[in-house]
Amino acid sequence: MLKVLSIILSVIVVALGSIALITQNFALLPYMLFLVGIHSFILGIIELKKDRKAFWGYVNIGASVFVIFVGIYTVIPN
């Protein structure tokens, strides 16, 4: 289930990035950043479930929380 969600988020992020590059309209980048953060969070959970390298799972989750915060912060107007 998590792998399927990870693949779906990857496709959405690549599509948003491609649209931004082709149209030169970078208004969608904060949303893409938010989705990358969610994707990284899911990858951290997958790593923790594997229990091979628990440290990198925690690093992924910590980095994803920061990226999600930055994505939300850029969407909210001052």
PDB file of N, CA and C in Angstrom:
ATOM      1  N   MET A   1       0.816  -1.191   0.000  1.00  0.00           N
ATOM      2  CA  MET A   1       0.000   0.000   0.000  1.00  0.00           C
ATOM      3  C   MET A   1       0.865   1.263   0.000  1.00  0.00           C
ATOM      4  N   LEU A   2       1.893   1.280   0.843  1.00  0.00           N
ATOM      5  CA  LEU A   2       2.755   2.459   0.900  1.00  0.00           C
ATOM      6  C   LEU A   2       3.579   2.614  -0.373  1.00  0.00           C
ATOM      7  N   LYS A   3       3.993   1.493  -0.958  1.00  0.00           N
ATOM      8  CA  LYS A   3       4.764   1.589  -2.203  1.00  0.00           C
ATOM      9  C   LYS A   3       3.915   2.146  -3.330  1.00  0.00           C
ATOM     10  N   VAL A   4       2.659   1.745  -3.381  1.00  0.00           N
ATOM     11  CA  VAL A   4       1.754   2.259  -4.419  1.00  0.00           C
ATOM     12  C   VAL A   4       1.551   3.755  -4.230  1.00  0.00           C
ATOM     13  N   LEU A   5       1.345   4.175  -2.989  1.00  0.00           N
ATOM     14  CA  LEU A   5       1.189   5.598  -2.702  1.00  0.00           C
ATOM     15  C   LEU A   5       2.458   6.377  -3.042  1.00  0.00           C
ATOM     16  N   SER A   6       3.598   5.775  -2.784  1.00  0.00           N
ATOM     17  CA  SER A   6       4.872   6.405  -3.115  1.00  0.00           C
ATOM     18  C   SER A   6       5.026   6.581  -4.623  1.00  0.00           C
ATOM     19  N   ILE A   7       4.659   5.574  -5.373  1.00  0.00           N
ATOM     20  CA  ILE A   7       4.753   5.659  -6.841  1.00  0.00           C
ATOM     21  C   ILE A   7       3.795   6.710  -7.382  1.00  0.00           C
ATOM     22  N   ILE A   8       2.581   6.761  -6.836  1.00  0.00           N
ATOM     23  CA  ILE A   8       1.604   7.753  -7.291  1.00  0.00           C
ATOM     24  C   ILE A   8       2.101   9.167  -7.002  1.00  0.00           C
ATOM     25  N   LEU A   9       2.642   9.389  -5.804  1.00  0.00           N
ATOM     26  CA  LEU A   9       3.176  10.711  -5.475  1.00  0.00           C
ATOM     27  C   LEU A   9       4.366  11.069  -6.357  1.00  0.00           C
ATOM     28  N   SER A  10       5.203  10.094  -6.683  1.00  0.00           N
ATOM     29  CA  SER A  10       6.344  10.346  -7.569  1.00  0.00           C
ATOM     30  C   SER A  10       5.879  10.803  -8.941  1.00  0.00           C
ATOM     31  N   VAL A  11       4.868  10.142  -9.468  1.00  0.00           N
ATOM     32  CA  VAL A  11       4.352  10.509 -10.794  1.00  0.00           C
ATOM     33  C   VAL A  11       3.747  11.914 -10.763  1.00  0.00           C
ATOM     34  N   ILE A  12       3.014  12.235  -9.694  1.00  0.00           N
ATOM     35  CA  ILE A  12       2.410  13.566  -9.587  1.00  0.00           C
ATOM     36  C   ILE A  12       3.484  14.641  -9.489  1.00  0.00           C
ATOM     37  N   VAL A  13       4.524  14.386  -8.704  1.00  0.00           N
ATOM     38  CA  VAL A  13       5.602  15.374  -8.547  1.00  0.00           C
ATOM     39  C   VAL A  13       6.341  15.583  -9.865  1.00  0.00           C
ATOM     40  N   VAL A  14       6.625  14.507 -10.585  1.00  0.00           N
ATOM     41  CA  VAL A  14       7.294  14.640 -11.882  1.00  0.00           C
ATOM     42  C   VAL A  14       6.404  15.388 -12.872  1.00  0.00           C
ATOM     43  N   ALA A  15       5.110  15.107 -12.840  1.00  0.00           N
ATOM     44  CA  ALA A  15       4.192  15.804 -13.744  1.00  0.00           C
ATOM     45  C   ALA A  15       4.135  17.298 -13.423  1.00  0.00           C
ATOM     46  N   LEU A  16       4.026  17.652 -12.144  1.00  0.00           N
ATOM     47  CA  LEU A  16       3.991  19.071 -11.772  1.00  0.00           C
ATOM     48  C   LEU A  16       5.300  19.775 -12.126  1.00  0.00           C
ATOM     49  N   GLY A  17       6.414  19.099 -11.905  1.00  0.00           N
ATOM     50  CA  GLY A  17       7.706  19.688 -12.266  1.00  0.00           C
ATOM     51  C   GLY A  17       7.848  19.886 -13.764  1.00  0.00           C
ATOM     52  N   SER A  18       7.372  18.916 -14.530  1.00  0.00           N
ATOM     53  CA  SER A  18       7.435  19.033 -15.997  1.00  0.00           C
ATOM     54  C   SER A  18       6.555  20.168 -16.493  1.00  0.00           C
ATOM     55  N   ILE A  19       5.361  20.277 -15.924  1.00  0.00           N
ATOM     56  CA  ILE A  19       4.459  21.365 -16.316  1.00  0.00           C
ATOM     57  C   ILE A  19       5.086  22.713 -15.988  1.00  0.00           C
ATOM     58  N   ALA A  20       5.718  22.811 -14.819  1.00  0.00           N
ATOM     59  CA  ALA A  20       6.346  24.079 -14.430  1.00  0.00           C
ATOM     60  C   ALA A  20       7.494  24.430 -15.367  1.00  0.00           C
ATOM     61  N   LEU A  21       8.276  23.445 -15.764  1.00  0.00           N
ATOM     62  CA  LEU A  21       9.402  23.726 -16.664  1.00  0.00           C
ATOM     63  C   LEU A  21       8.943  24.068 -18.072  1.00  0.00           C
ATOM     64  N   ILE A  22       7.932  23.386 -18.548  1.00  0.00           N
ATOM     65  CA  ILE A  22       7.463  23.623 -19.921  1.00  0.00           C
ATOM     66  C   ILE A  22       6.778  24.974 -20.041  1.00  0.00           C
ATOM     67  N   THR A  23       5.905  25.294 -19.080  1.00  0.00           N
ATOM     68  CA  THR A  23       5.141  26.540 -19.173  1.00  0.00           C
ATOM     69  C   THR A  23       5.856  27.746 -18.568  1.00  0.00           C
ATOM     70  N   GLN A  24       6.972  27.530 -17.867  1.00  0.00           N
ATOM     71  CA  GLN A  24       7.703  28.585 -17.167  1.00  0.00           C
ATOM     72  C   GLN A  24       6.826  29.297 -16.141  1.00  0.00           C
ATOM     73  N   ASN A  25       5.811  28.601 -15.640  1.00  0.00           N
ATOM     74  CA  ASN A  25       4.934  29.109 -14.594  1.00  0.00           C
ATOM     75  C   ASN A  25       5.268  28.349 -13.319  1.00  0.00           C
ATOM     76  N   PHE A  26       5.904  29.012 -12.377  1.00  0.00           N
ATOM     77  CA  PHE A  26       6.406  28.346 -11.191  1.00  0.00           C
ATOM     78  C   PHE A  26       5.489  28.524  -9.986  1.00  0.00           C
ATOM     79  N   ALA A  27       4.223  28.801 -10.234  1.00  0.00           N
ATOM     80  CA  ALA A  27       3.260  28.973  -9.141  1.00  0.00           C
ATOM     81  C   ALA A  27       2.926  27.643  -8.471  1.00  0.00           C
ATOM     82  N   LEU A  28       3.147  26.526  -9.143  1.00  0.00           N
ATOM     83  CA  LEU A  28       2.826  25.213  -8.590  1.00  0.00           C
ATOM     84  C   LEU A  28       3.954  24.621  -7.749  1.00  0.00           C
ATOM     85  N   LEU A  29       5.100  25.266  -7.705  1.00  0.00           N
ATOM     86  CA  LEU A  29       6.247  24.698  -6.999  1.00  0.00           C
ATOM     87  C   LEU A  29       6.038  24.521  -5.489  1.00  0.00           C
ATOM     88  N   PRO A  30       5.350  25.420  -4.780  1.00  0.00           N
ATOM     89  CA  PRO A  30       5.113  25.137  -3.355  1.00  0.00           C
ATOM     90  C   PRO A  30       4.286  23.871  -3.133  1.00  0.00           C
ATOM     91  N   TYR A  31       3.319  23.623  -4.009  1.00  0.00           N
ATOM     92  CA  TYR A  31       2.514  22.410  -3.893  1.00  0.00           C
ATOM     93  C   TYR A  31       3.350  21.173  -4.198  1.00  0.00           C
ATOM     94  N   MET A  32       4.237  21.309  -5.161  1.00  0.00           N
ATOM     95  CA  MET A  32       5.133  20.209  -5.483  1.00  0.00           C
ATOM     96  C   MET A  32       6.073  19.935  -4.311  1.00  0.00           C
ATOM     97  N   LEU A  33       6.547  20.985  -3.662  1.00  0.00           N
ATOM     98  CA  LEU A  33       7.412  20.830  -2.498  1.00  0.00           C
ATOM     99  C   LEU A  33       6.677  20.124  -1.365  1.00  0.00           C
ATOM    100  N   PHE A  34       5.411  20.471  -1.157  1.00  0.00           N
ATOM    101  CA  PHE A  34       4.591  19.810  -0.155  1.00  0.00           C
ATOM    102  C   PHE A  34       4.449  18.317  -0.460  1.00  0.00           C
ATOM    103  N   LEU A  35       4.205  17.976  -1.722  1.00  0.00           N
ATOM    104  CA  LEU A  35       4.073  16.572  -2.117  1.00  0.00           C
ATOM    105  C   LEU A  35       5.393  15.819  -1.992  1.00  0.00           C
ATOM    106  N   VAL A  36       6.506  16.481  -2.257  1.00  0.00           N
ATOM    107  CA  VAL A  36       7.818  15.851  -2.062  1.00  0.00           C
ATOM    108  C   VAL A  36       8.041  15.551  -0.584  1.00  0.00           C
ATOM    109  N   GLY A  37       7.590  16.436   0.285  1.00  0.00           N
ATOM    110  CA  GLY A  37       7.697  16.194   1.713  1.00  0.00           C
ATOM    111  C   GLY A  37       6.879  14.995   2.157  1.00  0.00           C
ATOM    112  N   ILE A  38       5.672  14.881   1.633  1.00  0.00           N
ATOM    113  CA  ILE A  38       4.838  13.723   1.954  1.00  0.00           C
ATOM    114  C   ILE A  38       5.482  12.443   1.426  1.00  0.00           C
ATOM    115  N   HIS A  39       6.046  12.522   0.221  1.00  0.00           N
ATOM    116  CA  HIS A  39       6.717  11.358  -0.362  1.00  0.00           C
ATOM    117  C   HIS A  39       7.913  10.941   0.492  1.00  0.00           C
ATOM    118  N   SER A  40       8.680  11.893   0.954  1.00  0.00           N
ATOM    119  CA  SER A  40       9.822  11.584   1.808  1.00  0.00           C
ATOM    120  C   SER A  40       9.365  10.989   3.138  1.00  0.00           C
ATOM    121  N   PHE A  41       8.259  11.468   3.666  1.00  0.00           N
ATOM    122  CA  PHE A  41       7.705  10.912   4.900  1.00  0.00           C
ATOM    123  C   PHE A  41       7.314   9.451   4.704  1.00  0.00           C
ATOM    124  N   ILE A  42       6.688   9.151   3.589  1.00  0.00           N
ATOM    125  CA  ILE A  42       6.299   7.768   3.292  1.00  0.00           C
ATOM    126  C   ILE A  42       7.531   6.893   3.121  1.00  0.00           C
ATOM    127  N   LEU A  43       8.572   7.421   2.475  1.00  0.00           N
ATOM    128  CA  LEU A  43       9.806   6.647   2.343  1.00  0.00           C
ATOM    129  C   LEU A  43      10.437   6.378   3.701  1.00  0.00           C
ATOM    130  N   GLY A  44      10.351   7.329   4.620  1.00  0.00           N
ATOM    131  CA  GLY A  44      10.853   7.119   5.977  1.00  0.00           C
ATOM    132  C   GLY A  44      10.083   6.023   6.697  1.00  0.00           C
ATOM    133  N   ILE A  45       8.767   6.009   6.523  1.00  0.00           N
ATOM    134  CA  ILE A  45       7.961   4.961   7.142  1.00  0.00           C
ATOM    135  C   ILE A  45       8.308   3.599   6.556  1.00  0.00           C
ATOM    136  N   ILE A  46       8.519   3.547   5.248  1.00  0.00           N
ATOM    137  CA  ILE A  46       8.905   2.283   4.607  1.00  0.00           C
ATOM    138  C   ILE A  46      10.238   1.794   5.160  1.00  0.00           C
ATOM    139  N   GLU A  47      11.194   2.710   5.335  1.00  0.00           N
ATOM    140  CA  GLU A  47      12.494   2.320   5.892  1.00  0.00           C
ATOM    141  C   GLU A  47      12.363   1.823   7.329  1.00  0.00           C
ATOM    142  N   LEU A  48      11.505   2.462   8.110  1.00  0.00           N
ATOM    143  CA  LEU A  48      11.323   2.015   9.493  1.00  0.00           C
ATOM    144  C   LEU A  48      10.637   0.649   9.552  1.00  0.00           C
ATOM    145  N   LYS A  49       9.736   0.386   8.606  1.00  0.00           N
ATOM    146  CA  LYS A  49       9.090  -0.922   8.573  1.00  0.00           C
ATOM    147  C   LYS A  49      10.066  -2.027   8.188  1.00  0.00           C
ATOM    148  N   LYS A  50      11.015  -1.704   7.302  1.00  0.00           N
ATOM    149  CA  LYS A  50      12.029  -2.690   6.922  1.00  0.00           C
ATOM    150  C   LYS A  50      12.962  -2.980   8.081  1.00  0.00           C
ATOM    151  N   ASP A  51      13.181  -1.961   8.933  1.00  0.00           N
ATOM    152  CA  ASP A  51      14.036  -2.050  10.114  1.00  0.00           C
ATOM    153  C   ASP A  51      15.472  -2.436   9.773  1.00  0.00           C
ATOM    154  N   ARG A  52      15.871  -2.156   8.542  1.00  0.00           N
ATOM    155  CA  ARG A  52      17.271  -2.397   8.184  1.00  0.00           C
ATOM    156  C   ARG A  52      18.147  -1.290   8.729  1.00  0.00           C
ATOM    157  N   LYS A  53      17.799  -0.078   8.374  1.00  0.00           N
ATOM    158  CA  LYS A  53      18.571   1.077   8.820  1.00  0.00           C
ATOM    159  C   LYS A  53      17.587   2.084   9.408  1.00  0.00           C
ATOM    160  N   ALA A  54      17.283   1.903  10.651  1.00  0.00           N
ATOM    161  CA  ALA A  54      16.273   2.746  11.291  1.00  0.00           C
ATOM    162  C   ALA A  54      16.714   4.208  11.323  1.00  0.00           C
ATOM    163  N   PHE A  55      18.021   4.461  11.384  1.00  0.00           N
ATOM    164  CA  PHE A  55      18.514   5.836  11.439  1.00  0.00           C
ATOM    165  C   PHE A  55      18.078   6.621  10.216  1.00  0.00           C
ATOM    166  N   TRP A  56      18.186   6.039   9.029  1.00  0.00           N
ATOM    167  CA  TRP A  56      17.824   6.767   7.814  1.00  0.00           C
ATOM    168  C   TRP A  56      16.323   6.962   7.703  1.00  0.00           C
ATOM    169  N   GLY A  57      15.565   6.093   8.308  1.00  0.00           N
ATOM    170  CA  GLY A  57      14.122   6.303   8.353  1.00  0.00           C
ATOM    171  C   GLY A  57      13.776   7.541   9.156  1.00  0.00           C
ATOM    172  N   TYR A  58      14.443   7.688  10.305  1.00  0.00           N
ATOM    173  CA  TYR A  58      14.211   8.876  11.130  1.00  0.00           C
ATOM    174  C   TYR A  58      14.721  10.145  10.448  1.00  0.00           C
ATOM    175  N   VAL A  59      15.826  10.037   9.748  1.00  0.00           N
ATOM    176  CA  VAL A  59      16.349  11.196   9.015  1.00  0.00           C
ATOM    177  C   VAL A  59      15.367  11.609   7.921  1.00  0.00           C
ATOM    178  N   ASN A  60      14.806  10.638   7.209  1.00  0.00           N
ATOM    179  CA  ASN A  60      13.812  10.930   6.174  1.00  0.00           C
ATOM    180  C   ASN A  60      12.590  11.612   6.764  1.00  0.00           C
ATOM    181  N   ILE A  61      12.116  11.118   7.882  1.00  0.00           N
ATOM    182  CA  ILE A  61      10.930  11.707   8.502  1.00  0.00           C
ATOM    183  C   ILE A  61      11.235  13.128   8.995  1.00  0.00           C
ATOM    184  N   GLY A  62      12.396  13.328   9.596  1.00  0.00           N
ATOM    185  CA  GLY A  62      12.762  14.669  10.054  1.00  0.00           C
ATOM    186  C   GLY A  62      12.894  15.655   8.910  1.00  0.00           C
ATOM    187  N   ALA A  63      13.540  15.228   7.831  1.00  0.00           N
ATOM    188  CA  ALA A  63      13.685  16.106   6.664  1.00  0.00           C
ATOM    189  C   ALA A  63      12.327  16.394   6.029  1.00  0.00           C
ATOM    190  N   SER A  64      11.451  15.400   6.017  1.00  0.00           N
ATOM    191  CA  SER A  64      10.146  15.603   5.397  1.00  0.00           C
ATOM    192  C   SER A  64       9.297  16.580   6.195  1.00  0.00           C
ATOM    193  N   VAL A  65       9.416  16.554   7.521  1.00  0.00           N
ATOM    194  CA  VAL A  65       8.673  17.516   8.342  1.00  0.00           C
ATOM    195  C   VAL A  65       9.137  18.937   8.021  1.00  0.00           C
ATOM    196  N   PHE A  66      10.438  19.119   7.854  1.00  0.00           N
ATOM    197  CA  PHE A  66      10.965  20.436   7.495  1.00  0.00           C
ATOM    198  C   PHE A  66      10.476  20.868   6.105  1.00  0.00           C
ATOM    199  N   VAL A  67      10.506  19.955   5.146  1.00  0.00           N
ATOM    200  CA  VAL A  67      10.086  20.290   3.780  1.00  0.00           C
ATOM    201  C   VAL A  67       8.591  20.600   3.739  1.00  0.00           C
ATOM    202  N   ILE A  68       7.790  19.845   4.485  1.00  0.00           N
ATOM    203  CA  ILE A  68       6.355  20.130   4.533  1.00  0.00           C
ATOM    204  C   ILE A  68       6.115  21.500   5.163  1.00  0.00           C
ATOM    205  N   PHE A  69       6.849  21.827   6.221  1.00  0.00           N
ATOM    206  CA  PHE A  69       6.720  23.138   6.851  1.00  0.00           C
ATOM    207  C   PHE A  69       7.062  24.252   5.862  1.00  0.00           C
ATOM    208  N   VAL A  70       8.139  24.092   5.121  1.00  0.00           N
ATOM    209  CA  VAL A  70       8.532  25.112   4.137  1.00  0.00           C
ATOM    210  C   VAL A  70       7.488  25.216   3.032  1.00  0.00           C
ATOM    211  N   GLY A  71       6.954  24.087   2.586  1.00  0.00           N
ATOM    212  CA  GLY A  71       5.911  24.110   1.561  1.00  0.00           C
ATOM    213  C   GLY A  71       4.672  24.841   2.029  1.00  0.00           C
ATOM    214  N   ILE A  72       4.248  24.609   3.260  1.00  0.00           N
ATOM    215  CA  ILE A  72       3.091  25.298   3.804  1.00  0.00           C
ATOM    216  C   ILE A  72       3.386  26.777   4.008  1.00  0.00           C
ATOM    217  N   TYR A  73       4.599  27.082   4.484  1.00  0.00           N
ATOM    218  CA  TYR A  73       4.978  28.466   4.748  1.00  0.00           C
ATOM    219  C   TYR A  73       5.005  29.298   3.458  1.00  0.00           C
ATOM    220  N   THR A  74       5.388  28.696   2.338  1.00  0.00           N
ATOM    221  CA  THR A  74       5.427  29.448   1.084  1.00  0.00           C
ATOM    222  C   THR A  74       4.049  29.645   0.477  1.00  0.00           C
ATOM    223  N   VAL A  75       3.101  28.805   0.842  1.00  0.00           N
ATOM    224  CA  VAL A  75       1.736  28.949   0.308  1.00  0.00           C
ATOM    225  C   VAL A  75       0.967  30.015   1.064  1.00  0.00           C
ATOM    226  N   ILE A  76       1.195  30.102   2.379  1.00  0.00           N
ATOM    227  CA  ILE A  76       0.455  31.070   3.195  1.00  0.00           C
ATOM    228  C   ILE A  76       1.007  32.478   2.923  1.00  0.00           C
ATOM    229  N   PRO A  77       0.128  33.403   2.505  1.00  0.00           N
ATOM    230  CA  PRO A  77       0.626  34.762   2.242  1.00  0.00           C
ATOM    231  C   PRO A  77       0.928  35.500   3.543  1.00  0.00           C
ATOM    232  N   ASN A  78       1.815  36.454   3.441  1.00  0.00           N
ATOM    233  CA  ASN A  78       2.213  37.225   4.643  1.00  0.00           C
ATOM    234  C   ASN A  78       1.119  38.136   5.044  1.00  0.00           C
TER     235      ASN A  78
END
